[in-house]
Amino acid sequence: MSTPNPDGELMSLLDRVAARDEAALKTLYEHTSAKLFGLALRVLGHRDWAEDVLQEALITIWRVAGGHRAS
């Protein structure tokens, strides 16, 4: 039985997002949004701002994922 590799899974999702796979973006969101939102909320201190930052982050990931290099 192999152990799960979360980094490998995220890199695979980024590769799929780079290929414009909308389902991969949704899965990436589901796996990362809680932690990213929590971090943004701690840094910014305002829920509305943290929501905006999370949305902008996902939009940016969608736009630039093609430039991602796994190395």
PDB file of N, CA and C in Angstrom:
ATOM      1  N   MET A   1       0.853  -1.174   0.000  1.00  0.00           N
ATOM      2  CA  MET A   1       0.000   0.000   0.000  1.00  0.00           C
ATOM      3  C   MET A   1       0.899   1.237   0.000  1.00  0.00           C
ATOM      4  N   SER A   2       0.656   2.151  -0.907  1.00  0.00           N
ATOM      5  CA  SER A   2       1.475   3.357  -0.988  1.00  0.00           C
ATOM      6  C   SER A   2       0.869   4.456  -0.123  1.00  0.00           C
ATOM      7  N   THR A   3       1.741   5.350   0.342  1.00  0.00           N
ATOM      8  CA  THR A   3       1.262   6.479   1.124  1.00  0.00           C
ATOM      9  C   THR A   3       0.850   7.595   0.179  1.00  0.00           C
ATOM     10  N   PRO A   4      -0.170   8.365   0.538  1.00  0.00           N
ATOM     11  CA  PRO A   4      -0.611   9.453  -0.332  1.00  0.00           C
ATOM     12  C   PRO A   4       0.462  10.530  -0.439  1.00  0.00           C
ATOM     13  N   ASN A   5       0.543  11.167  -1.597  1.00  0.00           N
ATOM     14  CA  ASN A   5       1.499  12.242  -1.829  1.00  0.00           C
ATOM     15  C   ASN A   5       0.722  13.501  -2.182  1.00  0.00           C
ATOM     16  N   PRO A   6       0.398  14.329  -1.166  1.00  0.00           N
ATOM     17  CA  PRO A   6      -0.421  15.520  -1.442  1.00  0.00           C
ATOM     18  C   PRO A   6       0.262  16.486  -2.405  1.00  0.00           C
ATOM     19  N   ASP A   7       1.592  16.631  -2.309  1.00  0.00           N
ATOM     20  CA  ASP A   7       2.285  17.527  -3.232  1.00  0.00           C
ATOM     21  C   ASP A   7       2.177  17.026  -4.663  1.00  0.00           C
ATOM     22  N   GLY A   8       2.316  15.742  -4.841  1.00  0.00           N
ATOM     23  CA  GLY A   8       2.187  15.162  -6.178  1.00  0.00           C
ATOM     24  C   GLY A   8       0.787  15.340  -6.733  1.00  0.00           C
ATOM     25  N   GLU A   9      -0.202  15.198  -5.861  1.00  0.00           N
ATOM     26  CA  GLU A   9      -1.593  15.386  -6.294  1.00  0.00           C
ATOM     27  C   GLU A   9      -1.829  16.837  -6.710  1.00  0.00           C
ATOM     28  N   LEU A  10      -1.312  17.785  -5.920  1.00  0.00           N
ATOM     29  CA  LEU A  10      -1.477  19.195  -6.267  1.00  0.00           C
ATOM     30  C   LEU A  10      -0.764  19.524  -7.571  1.00  0.00           C
ATOM     31  N   MET A  11       0.432  18.969  -7.771  1.00  0.00           N
ATOM     32  CA  MET A  11       1.160  19.212  -9.020  1.00  0.00           C
ATOM     33  C   MET A  11       0.404  18.634 -10.208  1.00  0.00           C
ATOM     34  N   SER A  12      -0.199  17.476 -10.013  1.00  0.00           N
ATOM     35  CA  SER A  12      -1.003  16.872 -11.078  1.00  0.00           C
ATOM     36  C   SER A  12      -2.221  17.744 -11.396  1.00  0.00           C
ATOM     37  N   LEU A  13      -2.858  18.268 -10.364  1.00  0.00           N
ATOM     38  CA  LEU A  13      -4.003  19.159 -10.581  1.00  0.00           C
ATOM     39  C   LEU A  13      -3.578  20.417 -11.321  1.00  0.00           C
ATOM     40  N   LEU A  14      -2.421  20.981 -10.959  1.00  0.00           N
ATOM     41  CA  LEU A  14      -1.929  22.169 -11.665  1.00  0.00           C
ATOM     42  C   LEU A  14      -1.664  21.863 -13.134  1.00  0.00           C
ATOM     43  N   ASP A  15      -1.126  20.688 -13.413  1.00  0.00           N
ATOM     44  CA  ASP A  15      -0.905  20.300 -14.810  1.00  0.00           C
ATOM     45  C   ASP A  15      -2.227  20.241 -15.563  1.00  0.00           C
ATOM     46  N   ARG A  16      -3.244  19.708 -14.918  1.00  0.00           N
ATOM     47  CA  ARG A  16      -4.561  19.615 -15.556  1.00  0.00           C
ATOM     48  C   ARG A  16      -5.197  20.996 -15.715  1.00  0.00           C
ATOM     49  N   VAL A  17      -5.013  21.870 -14.722  1.00  0.00           N
ATOM     50  CA  VAL A  17      -5.524  23.241 -14.835  1.00  0.00           C
ATOM     51  C   VAL A  17      -4.830  23.947 -15.995  1.00  0.00           C
ATOM     52  N   ALA A  18      -3.536  23.715 -16.148  1.00  0.00           N
ATOM     53  CA  ALA A  18      -2.793  24.320 -17.255  1.00  0.00           C
ATOM     54  C   ALA A  18      -3.367  23.892 -18.603  1.00  0.00           C
ATOM     55  N   ALA A  19      -3.938  22.688 -18.649  1.00  0.00           N
ATOM     56  CA  ALA A  19      -4.576  22.186 -19.867  1.00  0.00           C
ATOM     57  C   ALA A  19      -6.043  22.627 -19.949  1.00  0.00           C
ATOM     58  N   ARG A  20      -6.443  23.560 -19.078  1.00  0.00           N
ATOM     59  CA  ARG A  20      -7.788  24.139 -19.050  1.00  0.00           C
ATOM     60  C   ARG A  20      -8.870  23.137 -18.654  1.00  0.00           C
ATOM     61  N   ASP A  21      -8.535  22.274 -17.704  1.00  0.00           N
ATOM     62  CA  ASP A  21      -9.477  21.299 -17.162  1.00  0.00           C
ATOM     63  C   ASP A  21     -10.222  21.958 -16.000  1.00  0.00           C
ATOM     64  N   GLU A  22     -11.462  22.337 -16.234  1.00  0.00           N
ATOM     65  CA  GLU A  22     -12.252  23.034 -15.217  1.00  0.00           C
ATOM     66  C   GLU A  22     -12.524  22.161 -13.997  1.00  0.00           C
ATOM     67  N   ALA A  23     -12.684  20.858 -14.211  1.00  0.00           N
ATOM     68  CA  ALA A  23     -12.906  19.949 -13.085  1.00  0.00           C
ATOM     69  C   ALA A  23     -11.682  19.923 -12.170  1.00  0.00           C
ATOM     70  N   ALA A  24     -10.496  20.028 -12.754  1.00  0.00           N
ATOM     71  CA  ALA A  24      -9.269  20.049 -11.951  1.00  0.00           C
ATOM     72  C   ALA A  24      -9.206  21.318 -11.112  1.00  0.00           C
ATOM     73  N   LEU A  25      -9.638  22.445 -11.664  1.00  0.00           N
ATOM     74  CA  LEU A  25      -9.656  23.690 -10.898  1.00  0.00           C
ATOM     75  C   LEU A  25     -10.624  23.569  -9.720  1.00  0.00           C
ATOM     76  N   LYS A  26     -11.768  22.961  -9.958  1.00  0.00           N
ATOM     77  CA  LYS A  26     -12.736  22.753  -8.879  1.00  0.00           C
ATOM     78  C   LYS A  26     -12.138  21.858  -7.792  1.00  0.00           C
ATOM     79  N   THR A  27     -11.468  20.797  -8.187  1.00  0.00           N
ATOM     80  CA  THR A  27     -10.846  19.897  -7.220  1.00  0.00           C
ATOM     81  C   THR A  27      -9.735  20.605  -6.457  1.00  0.00           C
ATOM     82  N   LEU A  28      -8.935  21.394  -7.166  1.00  0.00           N
ATOM     83  CA  LEU A  28      -7.877  22.172  -6.521  1.00  0.00           C
ATOM     84  C   LEU A  28      -8.484  23.111  -5.481  1.00  0.00           C
ATOM     85  N   TYR A  29      -9.562  23.778  -5.845  1.00  0.00           N
ATOM     86  CA  TYR A  29     -10.267  24.664  -4.920  1.00  0.00           C
ATOM     87  C   TYR A  29     -10.734  23.891  -3.680  1.00  0.00           C
ATOM     88  N   GLU A  30     -11.347  22.746  -3.899  1.00  0.00           N
ATOM     89  CA  GLU A  30     -11.863  21.949  -2.786  1.00  0.00           C
ATOM     90  C   GLU A  30     -10.748  21.507  -1.837  1.00  0.00           C
ATOM     91  N   HIS A  31      -9.566  21.221  -2.381  1.00  0.00           N
ATOM     92  CA  HIS A  31      -8.443  20.755  -1.560  1.00  0.00           C
ATOM     93  C   HIS A  31      -7.708  21.887  -0.848  1.00  0.00           C
ATOM     94  N   THR A  32      -7.770  23.090  -1.368  1.00  0.00           N
ATOM     95  CA  THR A  32      -6.908  24.151  -0.836  1.00  0.00           C
ATOM     96  C   THR A  32      -7.646  25.358  -0.266  1.00  0.00           C
ATOM     97  N   SER A  33      -8.899  25.535  -0.588  1.00  0.00           N
ATOM     98  CA  SER A  33      -9.577  26.788  -0.252  1.00  0.00           C
ATOM     99  C   SER A  33      -9.650  27.062   1.247  1.00  0.00           C
ATOM    100  N   ALA A  34      -9.883  26.064   2.055  1.00  0.00           N
ATOM    101  CA  ALA A  34     -10.022  26.303   3.501  1.00  0.00           C
ATOM    102  C   ALA A  34      -8.716  26.861   4.077  1.00  0.00           C
ATOM    103  N   LYS A  35      -7.603  26.253   3.721  1.00  0.00           N
ATOM    104  CA  LYS A  35      -6.318  26.731   4.250  1.00  0.00           C
ATOM    105  C   LYS A  35      -5.957  28.094   3.683  1.00  0.00           C
ATOM    106  N   LEU A  36      -6.184  28.291   2.382  1.00  0.00           N
ATOM    107  CA  LEU A  36      -5.861  29.585   1.778  1.00  0.00           C
ATOM    108  C   LEU A  36      -6.739  30.688   2.354  1.00  0.00           C
ATOM    109  N   PHE A  37      -8.006  30.390   2.537  1.00  0.00           N
ATOM    110  CA  PHE A  37      -8.907  31.383   3.119  1.00  0.00           C
ATOM    111  C   PHE A  37      -8.496  31.712   4.554  1.00  0.00           C
ATOM    112  N   GLY A  38      -8.171  30.684   5.331  1.00  0.00           N
ATOM    113  CA  GLY A  38      -7.744  30.904   6.712  1.00  0.00           C
ATOM    114  C   GLY A  38      -6.498  31.765   6.799  1.00  0.00           C
ATOM    115  N   LEU A  39      -5.546  31.508   5.916  1.00  0.00           N
ATOM    116  CA  LEU A  39      -4.327  32.308   5.889  1.00  0.00           C
ATOM    117  C   LEU A  39      -4.642  33.761   5.522  1.00  0.00           C
ATOM    118  N   ALA A  40      -5.436  33.943   4.476  1.00  0.00           N
ATOM    119  CA  ALA A  40      -5.800  35.299   4.047  1.00  0.00           C
ATOM    120  C   ALA A  40      -6.553  36.025   5.153  1.00  0.00           C
ATOM    121  N   LEU A  41      -7.426  35.329   5.844  1.00  0.00           N
ATOM    122  CA  LEU A  41      -8.197  35.944   6.929  1.00  0.00           C
ATOM    123  C   LEU A  41      -7.277  36.368   8.070  1.00  0.00           C
ATOM    124  N   ARG A  42      -6.315  35.522   8.420  1.00  0.00           N
ATOM    125  CA  ARG A  42      -5.369  35.884   9.482  1.00  0.00           C
ATOM    126  C   ARG A  42      -4.534  37.100   9.100  1.00  0.00           C
ATOM    127  N   VAL A  43      -4.094  37.131   7.853  1.00  0.00           N
ATOM    128  CA  VAL A  43      -3.232  38.226   7.403  1.00  0.00           C
ATOM    129  C   VAL A  43      -4.018  39.527   7.285  1.00  0.00           C
ATOM    130  N   LEU A  44      -5.216  39.455   6.701  1.00  0.00           N
ATOM    131  CA  LEU A  44      -5.979  40.663   6.395  1.00  0.00           C
ATOM    132  C   LEU A  44      -6.922  41.099   7.508  1.00  0.00           C
ATOM    133  N   GLY A  45      -7.441  40.135   8.258  1.00  0.00           N
ATOM    134  CA  GLY A  45      -8.323  40.470   9.361  1.00  0.00           C
ATOM    135  C   GLY A  45      -9.742  40.843   8.973  1.00  0.00           C
ATOM    136  N   HIS A  46     -10.095  40.738   7.704  1.00  0.00           N
ATOM    137  CA  HIS A  46     -11.453  41.051   7.228  1.00  0.00           C
ATOM    138  C   HIS A  46     -11.936  39.917   6.330  1.00  0.00           C
ATOM    139  N   ARG A  47     -13.088  39.385   6.674  1.00  0.00           N
ATOM    140  CA  ARG A  47     -13.630  38.247   5.937  1.00  0.00           C
ATOM    141  C   ARG A  47     -13.850  38.582   4.446  1.00  0.00           C
ATOM    142  N   ASP A  48     -14.422  39.735   4.164  1.00  0.00           N
ATOM    143  CA  ASP A  48     -14.689  40.116   2.770  1.00  0.00           C
ATOM    144  C   ASP A  48     -13.398  40.205   1.960  1.00  0.00           C
ATOM    145  N   TRP A  49     -12.372  40.778   2.566  1.00  0.00           N
ATOM    146  CA  TRP A  49     -11.092  40.905   1.868  1.00  0.00           C
ATOM    147  C   TRP A  49     -10.476  39.527   1.617  1.00  0.00           C
ATOM    148  N   ALA A  50     -10.585  38.647   2.617  1.00  0.00           N
ATOM    149  CA  ALA A  50     -10.039  37.293   2.473  1.00  0.00           C
ATOM    150  C   ALA A  50     -10.759  36.534   1.358  1.00  0.00           C
ATOM    151  N   GLU A  51     -12.067  36.705   1.264  1.00  0.00           N
ATOM    152  CA  GLU A  51     -12.819  36.070   0.176  1.00  0.00           C
ATOM    153  C   GLU A  51     -12.353  36.589  -1.183  1.00  0.00           C
ATOM    154  N   ASP A  52     -12.119  37.903  -1.268  1.00  0.00           N
ATOM    155  CA  ASP A  52     -11.632  38.495  -2.522  1.00  0.00           C
ATOM    156  C   ASP A  52     -10.257  37.960  -2.894  1.00  0.00           C
ATOM    157  N   VAL A  53      -9.372  37.846  -1.903  1.00  0.00           N
ATOM    158  CA  VAL A  53      -8.024  37.342  -2.149  1.00  0.00           C
ATOM    159  C   VAL A  53      -8.086  35.892  -2.642  1.00  0.00           C
ATOM    160  N   LEU A  54      -8.919  35.083  -2.023  1.00  0.00           N
ATOM    161  CA  LEU A  54      -9.058  33.686  -2.446  1.00  0.00           C
ATOM    162  C   LEU A  54      -9.555  33.610  -3.887  1.00  0.00           C
ATOM    163  N   GLN A  55     -10.549  34.410  -4.217  1.00  0.00           N
ATOM    164  CA  GLN A  55     -11.071  34.416  -5.585  1.00  0.00           C
ATOM    165  C   GLN A  55      -9.995  34.853  -6.573  1.00  0.00           C
ATOM    166  N   GLU A  56      -9.281  35.910  -6.260  1.00  0.00           N
ATOM    167  CA  GLU A  56      -8.224  36.392  -7.149  1.00  0.00           C
ATOM    168  C   GLU A  56      -7.108  35.358  -7.300  1.00  0.00           C
ATOM    169  N   ALA A  57      -6.795  34.662  -6.219  1.00  0.00           N
ATOM    170  CA  ALA A  57      -5.759  33.627  -6.287  1.00  0.00           C
ATOM    171  C   ALA A  57      -6.160  32.524  -7.262  1.00  0.00           C
ATOM    172  N   LEU A  58      -7.406  32.076  -7.178  1.00  0.00           N
ATOM    173  CA  LEU A  58      -7.859  31.009  -8.086  1.00  0.00           C
ATOM    174  C   LEU A  58      -7.915  31.486  -9.529  1.00  0.00           C
ATOM    175  N   ILE A  59      -8.318  32.718  -9.746  1.00  0.00           N
ATOM    176  CA  ILE A  59      -8.337  33.278 -11.097  1.00  0.00           C
ATOM    177  C   ILE A  59      -6.911  33.344 -11.641  1.00  0.00           C
ATOM    178  N   THR A  60      -5.983  33.762 -10.801  1.00  0.00           N
ATOM    179  CA  THR A  60      -4.583  33.845 -11.228  1.00  0.00           C
ATOM    180  C   THR A  60      -4.032  32.459 -11.536  1.00  0.00           C
ATOM    181  N   ILE A  61      -4.351  31.490 -10.700  1.00  0.00           N
ATOM    182  CA  ILE A  61      -3.903  30.116 -10.963  1.00  0.00           C
ATOM    183  C   ILE A  61      -4.428  29.654 -12.313  1.00  0.00           C
ATOM    184  N   TRP A  62      -5.691  29.923 -12.608  1.00  0.00           N
ATOM    185  CA  TRP A  62      -6.281  29.529 -13.885  1.00  0.00           C
ATOM    186  C   TRP A  62      -5.521  30.174 -15.053  1.00  0.00           C
ATOM    187  N   ARG A  63      -5.187  31.465 -14.888  1.00  0.00           N
ATOM    188  CA  ARG A  63      -4.528  32.190 -15.977  1.00  0.00           C
ATOM    189  C   ARG A  63      -3.075  31.774 -16.194  1.00  0.00           C
ATOM    190  N   VAL A  64      -2.340  31.495 -15.142  1.00  0.00           N
ATOM    191  CA  VAL A  64      -0.898  31.282 -15.281  1.00  0.00           C
ATOM    192  C   VAL A  64      -0.431  29.848 -15.072  1.00  0.00           C
ATOM    193  N   ALA A  65      -1.346  28.937 -14.875  1.00  0.00           N
ATOM    194  CA  ALA A  65      -0.952  27.541 -14.611  1.00  0.00           C
ATOM    195  C   ALA A  65      -0.128  26.957 -15.757  1.00  0.00           C
ATOM    196  N   GLY A  66      -0.314  27.449 -16.951  1.00  0.00           N
ATOM    197  CA  GLY A  66       0.458  26.948 -18.084  1.00  0.00           C
ATOM    198  C   GLY A  66       1.942  27.220 -17.957  1.00  0.00           C
ATOM    199  N   GLY A  67       2.324  28.185 -17.144  1.00  0.00           N
ATOM    200  CA  GLY A  67       3.730  28.497 -16.928  1.00  0.00           C
ATOM    201  C   GLY A  67       4.338  27.720 -15.777  1.00  0.00           C
ATOM    202  N   HIS A  68       3.546  26.866 -15.114  1.00  0.00           N
ATOM    203  CA  HIS A  68       4.001  26.072 -13.972  1.00  0.00           C
ATOM    204  C   HIS A  68       5.020  25.031 -14.426  1.00  0.00           C
ATOM    205  N   ARG A  69       6.087  24.909 -13.662  1.00  0.00           N
ATOM    206  CA  ARG A  69       7.099  23.880 -13.907  1.00  0.00           C
ATOM    207  C   ARG A  69       7.204  23.028 -12.665  1.00  0.00           C
ATOM    208  N   ALA A  70       6.962  21.746 -12.787  1.00  0.00           N
ATOM    209  CA  ALA A  70       6.983  20.839 -11.645  1.00  0.00           C
ATOM    210  C   ALA A  70       8.356  20.796 -10.974  1.00  0.00           C
ATOM    211  N   SER A  71       9.407  21.060 -11.712  1.00  0.00           N
ATOM    212  CA  SER A  71      10.755  21.022 -11.134  1.00  0.00           C
ATOM    213  C   SER A  71      10.949  22.186 -10.204  1.00  0.00           C
TER     214      SER A  71
END
